Amino acid sequence: MTFGRSGAASVVLNVGGARYSLSRELLKDFPLRRVSRLHGCRSERDVLEVCDDYDRERNEYFFDRHSEAFGFILLYVRGHGKLRFAPRMCELSFYNEMIYWGLEGAHLEYCCQRRLDDRMSDTYTFYSADEPGVLGRDEARPGGAEAASSRRWLERMRRTFEEPTSSLAAQILASVSVVFVIVSMVVLCASTLPDWRNAAADNRSLDDRSRYSAVPGREPSGIIEAICIGWFTAECIVRFIVSKNKCEFVKRPLNIIDLLAITPYYISVLMTVFTGENSQLQRAGVTLRVLRMMRIFWVIKLARHFIGLQTLGLTLKRCYREMVMLLVFICVAMAIFSALSQLLEHGLDLETSNKDFTSIPAACWWVIISMTTVGYGDMYPITVPGRILGGVCVVSGIVLLALPITFIYHSFVQCYHELKFRSARYSRSLSAEFLN
């Protein structure tokens, strides 16, 4: 950390009157996001954006937060216990402290998570990680009024594009974006119909056919596609410009999906323009079809406007350990049951062997559709031991799949409540703005 008293081997955190000493080496990689941000502060202004006050002489940082809650959180991040609610403290207040320091509800113990879910459901409260008061501190500094106004304008633009319920303009923008997504999906699905392709070919002469093929944007469907791509590109560029952190913006999953949906169109146009109607285009036909089918990723753009899809994505993000555990369960069971089924159906009696179970990889397909209780019926055991094994496989699949589902369901409910409360908060802001 370049800001602070030079030569000091440690820094002091004063949280609600309680003082904690941390070494500079530990501060750099500290598990709490807010505390670790102190290591990158370059000036006093940067420090005051992280904490409430700073004493340069004593190298002490002041945080006007709950000292007892921070003590519980500090013990947890140092590995001295599990994170539970502080005694005689409101669950919502403790959760607010967790968000302030950089933790999430998933860090709590399971029993405390259930208490938090019940309390949030009863009170319809949601705490955001965005810290208020930063603009007010900027306005208090000399010459900070213009900077605060600029920040306020960028924040309003960012919320307009990122939060569909934050304002009336955001709702209109989100509605237009949803219309473009639906139109692009309808055109994509219709373009694969044989009647659509035949009608498009019959309506063009032979001379026009080469001209249309060289420039796909001149086709009626190509014009609609170009308009949709233009809208998505402009939206992505504006969101990138008004974003707070450009590197974090590029790393977000939804933004990566946007790039995957937009980039293939420009690649296909460039390939068509440069190759024309020669043999190279024929060889690139498969590539062009694959690139066109990647437009299906536009459907995921609806996650920006619907809480259900946002909840699904946030649940998968928080429950990746449970998802990995689920895949491990399936893989282990698939390896065991596929080997046993191949032995019972094909390896013991070669004269009456089941031709569908000639190898373990072939038996893996039967195991996976049996464990998931799909049962296509394309392959099945014919021997008595094989059928008994099949029943055991089905029951084991039900049990193994149900074990991690409880954790995933709990996280899904919590994520849904968080997103729902945030949407309700923005809706209240929208109502106030509309009345004003």
Protein backbone atom coordinates (compact mmCIF):
# COMPACT_ATOMS: atom_id res chain seq x y z
CA MET A 1 0.00 0.00 0.00
CA THR A 2 1.55 3.27 -1.08
CA PHE A 3 -0.66 5.48 1.10
CA GLY A 4 -0.08 5.56 4.84
CA ARG A 5 2.79 6.07 7.25
CA SER A 6 5.98 4.83 5.67
CA GLY A 7 7.83 2.07 7.48
CA ALA A 8 4.81 0.90 9.45
CA ALA A 9 4.70 -2.87 9.58
CA SER A 10 1.01 -3.05 10.45
CA VAL A 11 -2.20 -1.08 10.24
CA VAL A 12 -4.94 -0.67 12.82
CA LEU A 13 -8.64 -1.10 12.10
CA ASN A 14 -10.93 0.73 14.51
CA VAL A 15 -14.41 -0.77 14.14
CA GLY A 16 -16.97 0.78 16.42
CA GLY A 17 -14.32 1.49 19.09
CA ALA A 18 -12.70 -1.98 18.93
CA ARG A 19 -9.13 -1.92 17.58
CA TYR A 20 -7.63 -4.72 15.44
CA SER A 21 -4.03 -4.81 14.23
CA LEU A 22 -3.23 -6.39 10.86
CA SER A 23 0.11 -6.76 9.12
CA ARG A 24 0.57 -5.26 5.67
CA GLU A 25 1.30 -8.68 4.16
CA LEU A 26 -1.95 -10.06 5.57
CA LEU A 27 -3.86 -6.97 4.47
CA LYS A 28 -2.99 -7.53 0.80
CA ASP A 29 -4.75 -10.90 0.57
CA PHE A 30 -7.28 -10.43 3.36
CA PRO A 31 -10.49 -12.45 2.74
CA LEU A 32 -12.76 -9.42 3.35
CA ARG A 33 -13.11 -7.41 0.15
CA ARG A 34 -13.49 -4.02 1.84
CA VAL A 35 -10.40 -4.48 4.02
CA SER A 36 -8.24 -5.78 1.18
CA ARG A 37 -9.14 -2.68 -0.87
CA LEU A 38 -7.09 -0.61 1.56
CA HIS A 39 -3.92 -2.11 0.12
CA GLY A 40 -4.54 -0.50 -3.25
CA CYS A 41 -5.37 3.00 -1.97
CA ARG A 42 -3.08 5.66 -3.42
CA SER A 43 -4.38 8.79 -1.75
CA GLU A 44 -6.45 9.95 1.19
CA ARG A 45 -9.44 10.31 -1.11
CA ASP A 46 -9.22 6.63 -2.05
CA VAL A 47 -8.97 5.68 1.62
CA LEU A 48 -12.06 7.69 2.56
CA GLU A 49 -14.04 5.86 -0.12
CA VAL A 50 -13.33 2.61 1.75
CA CYS A 51 -13.52 3.67 5.40
CA ASP A 52 -15.17 6.47 7.36
CA ASP A 53 -12.06 8.23 8.69
CA TYR A 54 -8.29 7.88 8.75
CA ASP A 55 -5.55 8.89 11.19
CA ARG A 56 -2.29 9.21 9.26
CA GLU A 57 -0.10 9.65 12.31
CA ARG A 58 -1.33 6.50 14.05
CA ASN A 59 -1.94 4.66 10.74
CA GLU A 60 -5.44 3.83 11.97
CA TYR A 61 -8.57 3.33 9.87
CA PHE A 62 -11.98 4.03 11.39
CA PHE A 63 -15.15 2.17 10.46
CA ASP A 64 -18.45 3.23 11.98
CA ARG A 65 -19.82 -0.31 12.07
CA HIS A 66 -20.94 -2.88 14.64
CA SER A 67 -17.86 -4.03 16.55
CA GLU A 68 -19.32 -7.32 17.82
CA ALA A 69 -20.46 -8.34 14.34
CA PHE A 70 -17.01 -7.58 12.93
CA GLY A 71 -15.46 -9.73 15.66
CA PHE A 72 -17.58 -12.71 14.58
CA ILE A 73 -16.76 -12.09 10.92
CA LEU A 74 -13.04 -11.73 11.67
CA LEU A 75 -12.96 -15.05 13.51
CA TYR A 76 -14.67 -16.72 10.56
CA VAL A 77 -12.33 -15.38 7.86
CA ARG A 78 -9.31 -16.36 9.96
CA GLY A 79 -10.60 -19.93 10.10
CA HIS A 80 -11.39 -20.03 13.81
CA GLY A 81 -14.97 -21.13 13.46
CA LYS A 82 -18.12 -21.09 11.38
CA LEU A 83 -20.06 -17.94 10.60
CA ARG A 84 -23.19 -17.62 12.75
CA PHE A 85 -25.31 -14.71 13.86
CA ALA A 86 -24.04 -12.67 16.77
CA PRO A 87 -26.11 -13.16 19.93
CA ARG A 88 -28.77 -10.55 20.68
CA MET A 89 -28.36 -9.02 17.23
CA CYS A 90 -30.97 -8.74 14.50
CA GLU A 91 -30.41 -11.12 11.60
CA LEU A 92 -30.95 -8.37 9.05
CA SER A 93 -28.47 -6.08 10.81
CA PHE A 94 -25.84 -8.81 10.87
CA TYR A 95 -26.51 -9.57 7.20
CA ASN A 96 -26.04 -5.88 6.44
CA GLU A 97 -22.67 -6.00 8.18
CA MET A 98 -21.71 -9.06 6.13
CA ILE A 99 -22.50 -7.31 2.86
CA TYR A 100 -20.59 -4.22 3.97
CA TRP A 101 -17.42 -6.22 4.63
CA GLY A 102 -17.76 -8.30 1.46
CA LEU A 103 -19.46 -11.56 2.49
CA GLU A 104 -22.65 -13.16 1.19
CA GLY A 105 -25.47 -15.12 2.73
CA ALA A 106 -23.92 -18.35 1.42
CA HIS A 107 -21.10 -17.99 4.00
CA LEU A 108 -23.55 -18.47 6.87
CA GLU A 109 -24.24 -21.79 8.48
CA TYR A 110 -27.25 -23.65 7.13
CA CYS A 111 -29.38 -22.98 10.21
CA CYS A 112 -28.57 -19.27 10.09
CA GLN A 113 -29.33 -19.17 6.39
CA ARG A 114 -32.81 -20.49 7.08
CA ARG A 115 -33.33 -17.90 9.81
CA LEU A 116 -32.22 -15.17 7.42
CA ASP A 117 -34.55 -16.40 4.66
CA ASP A 118 -37.51 -16.44 7.01
CA ARG A 119 -36.73 -12.97 8.34
CA MET A 120 -36.24 -11.49 4.88
CA SER A 121 -39.49 -13.07 3.70
CA ASP A 122 -41.36 -11.57 6.64
CA THR A 123 -39.94 -8.05 6.34
CA TYR A 124 -39.38 -7.84 2.55
CA THR A 125 -36.01 -6.20 3.06
CA PHE A 126 -32.94 -6.33 0.88
CA TYR A 127 -29.54 -4.82 1.52
CA SER A 128 -27.39 -3.78 -1.41
CA ALA A 129 -23.62 -3.85 -1.56
CA ASP A 130 -23.61 -0.37 -3.12
CA GLU A 131 -22.57 2.08 -0.48
CA PRO A 132 -24.52 5.31 -0.14
CA GLY A 133 -22.92 8.54 0.83
CA VAL A 134 -19.95 8.48 -1.52
CA LEU A 135 -21.43 11.20 -3.71
CA GLY A 136 -22.18 13.28 -0.66
CA ARG A 137 -18.56 13.12 0.47
CA ASP A 138 -17.44 14.11 -3.02
CA GLU A 139 -19.66 17.16 -2.98
CA ALA A 140 -18.23 18.20 0.39
CA ARG A 141 -14.69 18.32 -1.00
CA PRO A 142 -13.42 21.41 -2.84
CA GLY A 143 -14.26 21.24 -6.53
CA GLY A 144 -16.12 17.99 -6.07
CA ALA A 145 -19.55 19.20 -7.15
CA GLU A 146 -18.84 18.67 -10.85
CA ALA A 147 -17.30 15.26 -10.19
CA ALA A 148 -20.32 14.28 -8.10
CA SER A 149 -22.69 15.46 -10.83
CA SER A 150 -20.77 13.46 -13.43
CA ARG A 151 -20.80 10.39 -11.22
CA ARG A 152 -24.50 10.78 -10.58
CA TRP A 153 -25.18 11.00 -14.32
CA LEU A 154 -23.04 7.93 -15.07
CA GLU A 155 -24.73 6.04 -12.23
CA ARG A 156 -28.15 6.92 -13.61
CA MET A 157 -27.11 5.78 -17.09
CA ARG A 158 -25.66 2.58 -15.69
CA ARG A 159 -28.84 1.78 -13.78
CA THR A 160 -30.92 2.58 -16.84
CA PHE A 161 -29.12 -0.11 -18.83
CA GLU A 162 -28.43 -2.57 -16.01
CA GLU A 163 -31.59 -2.35 -13.86
CA PRO A 164 -34.81 -2.58 -15.93
CA THR A 165 -36.98 -1.48 -12.96
CA SER A 166 -34.86 1.46 -11.83
CA SER A 167 -36.70 4.13 -13.88
CA LEU A 168 -39.33 4.64 -16.54
CA ALA A 169 -36.65 5.05 -19.21
CA ALA A 170 -35.05 1.77 -18.08
CA GLN A 171 -38.36 -0.05 -18.44
CA ILE A 172 -38.87 1.35 -21.95
CA LEU A 173 -35.32 0.40 -22.91
CA ALA A 174 -35.76 -3.10 -21.49
CA SER A 175 -39.04 -3.55 -23.37
CA VAL A 176 -37.43 -2.53 -26.65
CA SER A 177 -34.54 -4.91 -26.02
CA VAL A 178 -36.95 -7.78 -25.29
CA VAL A 179 -38.83 -7.03 -28.52
CA PHE A 180 -35.59 -7.19 -30.50
CA VAL A 181 -34.65 -10.49 -28.86
CA ILE A 182 -38.05 -12.00 -29.66
CA VAL A 183 -37.98 -10.76 -33.26
CA SER A 184 -34.47 -12.11 -33.81
CA MET A 185 -35.45 -15.50 -32.39
CA VAL A 186 -38.57 -15.68 -34.57
CA VAL A 187 -36.55 -14.85 -37.68
CA LEU A 188 -33.88 -17.40 -36.72
CA CYS A 189 -36.47 -20.16 -36.23
CA ALA A 190 -38.39 -19.25 -39.39
CA SER A 191 -35.24 -19.20 -41.52
CA THR A 192 -34.76 -22.93 -40.86
CA LEU A 193 -38.19 -23.85 -42.28
CA PRO A 194 -38.04 -25.44 -45.77
CA ASP A 195 -41.01 -23.37 -46.98
CA TRP A 196 -39.28 -20.17 -45.89
CA ARG A 197 -36.11 -21.04 -47.78
CA ASN A 198 -38.01 -22.13 -50.89
CA ALA A 199 -40.15 -18.97 -50.90
CA ALA A 200 -37.06 -16.81 -50.52
CA ALA A 201 -35.37 -18.63 -53.40
CA ASP A 202 -38.42 -18.40 -55.68
CA ASN A 203 -38.82 -14.67 -55.13
CA ARG A 204 -35.34 -13.94 -56.42
CA SER A 205 -34.05 -14.22 -59.94
CA LEU A 206 -30.85 -15.98 -60.77
CA ASP A 207 -29.00 -12.70 -61.15
CA ASP A 208 -30.30 -11.38 -57.87
CA ARG A 209 -29.49 -14.65 -56.12
CA SER A 210 -25.74 -14.17 -56.36
CA ARG A 211 -26.12 -10.53 -55.35
CA TYR A 212 -28.18 -11.47 -52.28
CA SER A 213 -25.82 -14.29 -51.37
CA ALA A 214 -22.81 -12.03 -51.48
CA VAL A 215 -24.40 -9.56 -49.13
CA PRO A 216 -26.71 -11.36 -46.67
CA GLY A 217 -27.91 -8.11 -45.17
CA ARG A 218 -29.93 -7.37 -48.36
CA GLU A 219 -32.29 -10.28 -47.84
CA PRO A 220 -35.51 -9.44 -45.96
CA SER A 221 -34.50 -11.66 -43.07
CA GLY A 222 -30.96 -10.31 -43.30
CA ILE A 223 -32.20 -6.74 -42.94
CA ILE A 224 -34.10 -7.64 -39.76
CA GLU A 225 -31.05 -9.47 -38.46
CA ALA A 226 -28.80 -6.48 -39.20
CA ILE A 227 -31.16 -4.12 -37.35
CA CYS A 228 -31.24 -6.41 -34.31
CA ILE A 229 -27.46 -6.78 -34.32
CA GLY A 230 -27.08 -3.01 -34.59
CA TRP A 231 -29.29 -2.52 -31.55
CA PHE A 232 -27.47 -5.16 -29.50
CA THR A 233 -24.07 -3.75 -30.49
CA ALA A 234 -25.02 -0.18 -29.57
CA GLU A 235 -26.47 -1.36 -26.27
CA CYS A 236 -23.33 -3.33 -25.43
CA ILE A 237 -21.04 -0.40 -26.29
CA VAL A 238 -23.02 2.06 -24.17
CA ARG A 239 -23.10 -0.33 -21.21
CA PHE A 240 -19.34 -0.76 -21.51
CA ILE A 241 -18.76 3.00 -21.56
CA VAL A 242 -20.88 3.75 -18.46
CA SER A 243 -19.66 0.74 -16.46
CA LYS A 244 -17.66 1.39 -13.30
CA ASN A 245 -15.02 -1.28 -13.79
CA LYS A 246 -14.22 -2.12 -17.42
CA CYS A 247 -12.28 -5.30 -16.58
CA GLU A 248 -15.07 -6.62 -14.37
CA PHE A 249 -17.58 -5.74 -17.09
CA VAL A 250 -15.79 -7.97 -19.61
CA LYS A 251 -15.62 -10.85 -17.12
CA ARG A 252 -19.36 -10.95 -16.36
CA PRO A 253 -21.10 -14.03 -17.80
CA LEU A 254 -23.98 -12.10 -19.39
CA ASN A 255 -21.58 -9.74 -21.13
CA ILE A 256 -19.56 -12.69 -22.44
CA ILE A 257 -22.79 -14.16 -23.80
CA ASP A 258 -23.52 -10.84 -25.50
CA LEU A 259 -20.16 -10.99 -27.26
CA LEU A 260 -20.74 -14.60 -28.27
CA ALA A 261 -24.09 -13.62 -29.76
CA ILE A 262 -22.88 -10.52 -31.61
CA THR A 263 -19.43 -11.52 -32.87
CA PRO A 264 -20.54 -14.44 -35.15
CA TYR A 265 -22.66 -12.10 -37.26
CA TYR A 266 -19.74 -9.84 -38.11
CA ILE A 267 -17.51 -12.86 -38.76
CA SER A 268 -20.06 -14.39 -41.13
CA VAL A 269 -20.50 -11.07 -43.00
CA LEU A 270 -16.74 -10.68 -43.42
CA MET A 271 -16.37 -14.28 -44.62
CA THR A 272 -19.21 -13.80 -47.14
CA VAL A 273 -17.78 -10.52 -48.43
CA PHE A 274 -14.26 -11.86 -48.86
CA THR A 275 -15.15 -15.29 -50.30
CA GLY A 276 -18.20 -14.48 -52.44
CA GLU A 277 -19.78 -17.36 -54.39
CA ASN A 278 -16.64 -19.39 -54.98
CA SER A 279 -15.53 -22.76 -53.71
CA GLN A 280 -14.10 -21.27 -50.55
CA LEU A 281 -17.60 -20.24 -49.51
CA GLN A 282 -18.81 -23.80 -50.10
CA ARG A 283 -16.11 -25.11 -47.82
CA ALA A 284 -16.99 -22.47 -45.25
CA GLY A 285 -20.71 -23.26 -45.40
CA VAL A 286 -20.65 -25.40 -42.29
CA THR A 287 -18.77 -22.69 -40.41
CA LEU A 288 -21.30 -20.07 -41.47
CA ARG A 289 -24.22 -22.24 -40.35
CA VAL A 290 -22.57 -22.81 -36.98
CA LEU A 291 -21.99 -19.09 -36.56
CA ARG A 292 -25.60 -18.33 -37.45
CA MET A 293 -26.85 -20.86 -34.93
CA MET A 294 -24.82 -19.15 -32.21
CA ARG A 295 -27.44 -16.41 -32.32
CA ILE A 296 -29.50 -18.67 -30.08
CA PHE A 297 -27.46 -17.15 -27.22
CA TRP A 298 -29.64 -14.07 -27.61
CA VAL A 299 -32.30 -15.90 -25.62
CA ILE A 300 -30.05 -15.69 -22.56
CA LYS A 301 -30.16 -11.89 -22.90
CA LEU A 302 -33.65 -12.14 -21.45
CA ALA A 303 -31.98 -12.85 -18.11
CA ARG A 304 -31.39 -9.11 -17.78
CA HIS A 305 -35.13 -8.51 -17.66
CA PHE A 306 -36.59 -11.55 -15.86
CA ILE A 307 -35.94 -12.41 -12.23
CA GLY A 308 -36.40 -16.14 -12.85
CA LEU A 309 -33.45 -16.40 -15.23
CA GLN A 310 -31.34 -14.15 -13.01
CA THR A 311 -32.13 -16.39 -10.05
CA LEU A 312 -31.09 -19.46 -12.00
CA GLY A 313 -27.77 -17.92 -13.00
CA LEU A 314 -27.01 -16.63 -9.50
CA THR A 315 -27.91 -20.01 -8.00
CA LEU A 316 -25.56 -21.84 -10.35
CA LYS A 317 -22.82 -19.36 -9.50
CA ARG A 318 -23.19 -19.82 -5.75
CA CYS A 319 -23.79 -23.60 -5.86
CA TYR A 320 -20.96 -24.62 -8.13
CA ARG A 321 -19.54 -26.82 -5.37
CA GLU A 322 -22.84 -28.65 -5.03
CA MET A 323 -23.06 -28.98 -8.81
CA VAL A 324 -19.57 -30.47 -8.94
CA MET A 325 -20.50 -32.82 -6.12
CA LEU A 326 -23.59 -33.89 -8.06
CA LEU A 327 -21.52 -34.59 -11.18
CA VAL A 328 -19.02 -36.60 -9.12
CA PHE A 329 -21.84 -38.70 -7.68
CA ILE A 330 -23.19 -39.40 -11.17
CA CYS A 331 -19.78 -40.21 -12.65
CA VAL A 332 -18.85 -42.62 -9.85
CA ALA A 333 -22.19 -44.40 -10.04
CA MET A 334 -22.03 -44.48 -13.84
CA ALA A 335 -18.60 -46.09 -13.78
CA ILE A 336 -19.72 -48.79 -11.34
CA PHE A 337 -23.08 -49.65 -12.90
CA SER A 338 -21.80 -49.53 -16.49
CA ALA A 339 -19.03 -52.03 -15.71
CA LEU A 340 -21.43 -54.36 -13.90
CA SER A 341 -24.12 -54.13 -16.58
CA GLN A 342 -21.60 -54.83 -19.36
CA LEU A 343 -20.39 -57.88 -17.46
CA LEU A 344 -23.88 -59.25 -16.72
CA GLU A 345 -25.35 -58.58 -20.17
CA HIS A 346 -22.43 -59.34 -22.44
CA GLY A 347 -19.45 -60.74 -20.58
CA LEU A 348 -20.83 -63.87 -18.89
CA ASP A 349 -22.66 -65.67 -21.69
CA LEU A 350 -21.36 -64.81 -25.15
CA GLU A 351 -24.02 -66.92 -26.94
CA THR A 352 -27.02 -65.03 -25.53
CA SER A 353 -25.22 -61.75 -24.94
CA ASN A 354 -26.97 -58.41 -25.28
CA LYS A 355 -25.55 -56.62 -28.32
CA ASP A 356 -26.38 -53.20 -26.84
CA PHE A 357 -23.93 -53.73 -23.97
CA THR A 358 -20.85 -54.65 -25.99
CA SER A 359 -18.63 -52.13 -24.14
CA ILE A 360 -18.56 -50.09 -20.98
CA PRO A 361 -18.88 -46.73 -22.84
CA ALA A 362 -22.01 -48.10 -24.54
CA ALA A 363 -23.40 -49.16 -21.17
CA CYS A 364 -22.74 -45.68 -19.75
CA TRP A 365 -25.54 -44.31 -21.94
CA TRP A 366 -28.00 -46.81 -20.46
CA VAL A 367 -26.82 -45.97 -16.93
CA ILE A 368 -27.25 -42.21 -17.32
CA ILE A 369 -30.77 -42.43 -18.75
CA SER A 370 -31.71 -44.94 -16.06
CA MET A 371 -30.32 -42.89 -13.16
CA THR A 372 -32.16 -39.79 -14.38
CA THR A 373 -35.34 -41.91 -14.84
CA VAL A 374 -35.64 -40.90 -18.50
CA GLY A 375 -35.65 -44.40 -20.00
CA TYR A 376 -35.73 -43.93 -23.77
CA GLY A 377 -36.07 -47.69 -24.29
CA ASP A 378 -33.43 -47.82 -27.02
CA MET A 379 -31.37 -50.25 -24.89
CA TYR A 380 -32.36 -52.30 -21.87
CA PRO A 381 -31.14 -55.40 -19.99
CA ILE A 382 -32.56 -58.79 -20.97
CA THR A 383 -31.04 -61.03 -18.30
CA VAL A 384 -32.48 -61.42 -14.82
CA PRO A 385 -29.31 -60.20 -13.04
CA GLY A 386 -29.16 -57.28 -15.46
CA ARG A 387 -32.75 -56.28 -14.70
CA ILE A 388 -32.11 -56.47 -10.96
CA LEU A 389 -29.07 -54.28 -11.48
CA GLY A 390 -31.21 -51.89 -13.50
CA GLY A 391 -33.66 -51.50 -10.61
CA VAL A 392 -30.83 -50.84 -8.20
CA CYS A 393 -29.40 -48.31 -10.68
CA VAL A 394 -32.69 -46.41 -10.89
CA VAL A 395 -33.16 -46.27 -7.10
CA SER A 396 -29.54 -45.24 -6.58
CA GLY A 397 -29.94 -42.48 -9.16
CA ILE A 398 -32.97 -41.06 -7.38
CA VAL A 399 -31.14 -41.04 -4.04
CA LEU A 400 -27.87 -39.61 -5.37
CA LEU A 401 -29.60 -36.86 -7.33
CA ALA A 402 -31.73 -35.89 -4.35
CA LEU A 403 -28.84 -35.46 -1.90
CA PRO A 404 -27.38 -32.16 -3.23
CA ILE A 405 -30.77 -30.82 -4.37
CA THR A 406 -31.58 -29.56 -0.85
CA PHE A 407 -28.60 -27.22 -0.82
CA ILE A 408 -29.32 -26.01 -4.36
CA TYR A 409 -32.98 -25.41 -3.52
CA HIS A 410 -32.09 -23.42 -0.42
CA SER A 411 -29.69 -21.23 -2.39
CA PHE A 412 -32.31 -20.77 -5.13
CA VAL A 413 -34.86 -19.49 -2.61
CA GLN A 414 -32.35 -17.11 -1.09
CA CYS A 415 -31.24 -15.77 -4.47
CA TYR A 416 -34.86 -15.30 -5.51
CA HIS A 417 -35.61 -13.31 -2.37
CA GLU A 418 -32.56 -11.10 -2.85
CA LEU A 419 -33.36 -10.31 -6.48
CA LYS A 420 -37.04 -9.84 -5.72
CA PHE A 421 -36.33 -7.37 -2.92
CA ARG A 422 -33.87 -5.45 -5.06
CA SER A 423 -36.45 -5.25 -7.84
CA ALA A 424 -39.06 -4.05 -5.32
CA ARG A 425 -36.69 -1.37 -4.08
CA TYR A 426 -36.11 -0.06 -7.60
CA SER A 427 -39.85 -0.22 -8.26
CA ARG A 428 -40.45 2.03 -5.25
CA SER A 429 -37.87 4.46 -6.62
CA LEU A 430 -39.64 4.32 -9.98
CA SER A 431 -42.99 5.07 -8.37
CA ALA A 432 -41.57 8.08 -6.56
CA GLU A 433 -39.97 9.34 -9.77
CA PHE A 434 -43.25 8.91 -11.66
CA LEU A 435 -45.24 10.79 -9.01
CA ASN A 436 -42.71 13.62 -8.93
